[in-house]
Amino acid sequence: MNEPSIVGVLSSSEDYAVERLHYWLNYQTKTIFIGGGLFWLPFGPIFLLLTIVAFLFAPYMMWRLAQAGWYKTLILFICVVIAPLVAAQFVNPQNQILNYALMFGPMLAFYLFTWILKFVLGDQVDEIKGNRLFAYEEERARINKKSKLSH
């Protein structure tokens, strides 16, 4: 019998980019547990580790967003995270509170952005999988109808 394959229902490269980014966002957001270590471990190494993870993950996230065609989200990321980070490098605050805000603000914005993006991409991945399943069922019905007509 000529049975359709779910693998045969291919997705576009944009769908693949969304799925891969969602996959890695589910792991990347686990760094909140590293941040939880701030209560028991020295502040410097934990913040350094969170910063390294952010700097390693941000280019990958931007690349996948561009691949998926999510240009508005990419521009929002640049405005909310990258621009304040760059601007903070040119400001020499005299106030200690402003210094901490300039240091932690971009990191907080990055992790908040990735956390929200994880949920938005989750909805998109569910829709992609639903469309694949729908296409599979349509193909299966078409094959069944064709085989009934030939008998």
Foldseek 3Di string as FASTA:
>chain_A
DDADDLVVLDDDQLLVLLVVLLVVLVVLLVLVVLVVCVVPDPPVVSVVVLVVSLVVCVVSNLVSCVSNVVVVLSVVLCVQAVVLLVVLVVDDDPDPVVVVCSVCRNSVSSSVSSVVSSVVSVVVNVVVVVVSVVVSVVVRVVVVVVVVVVD
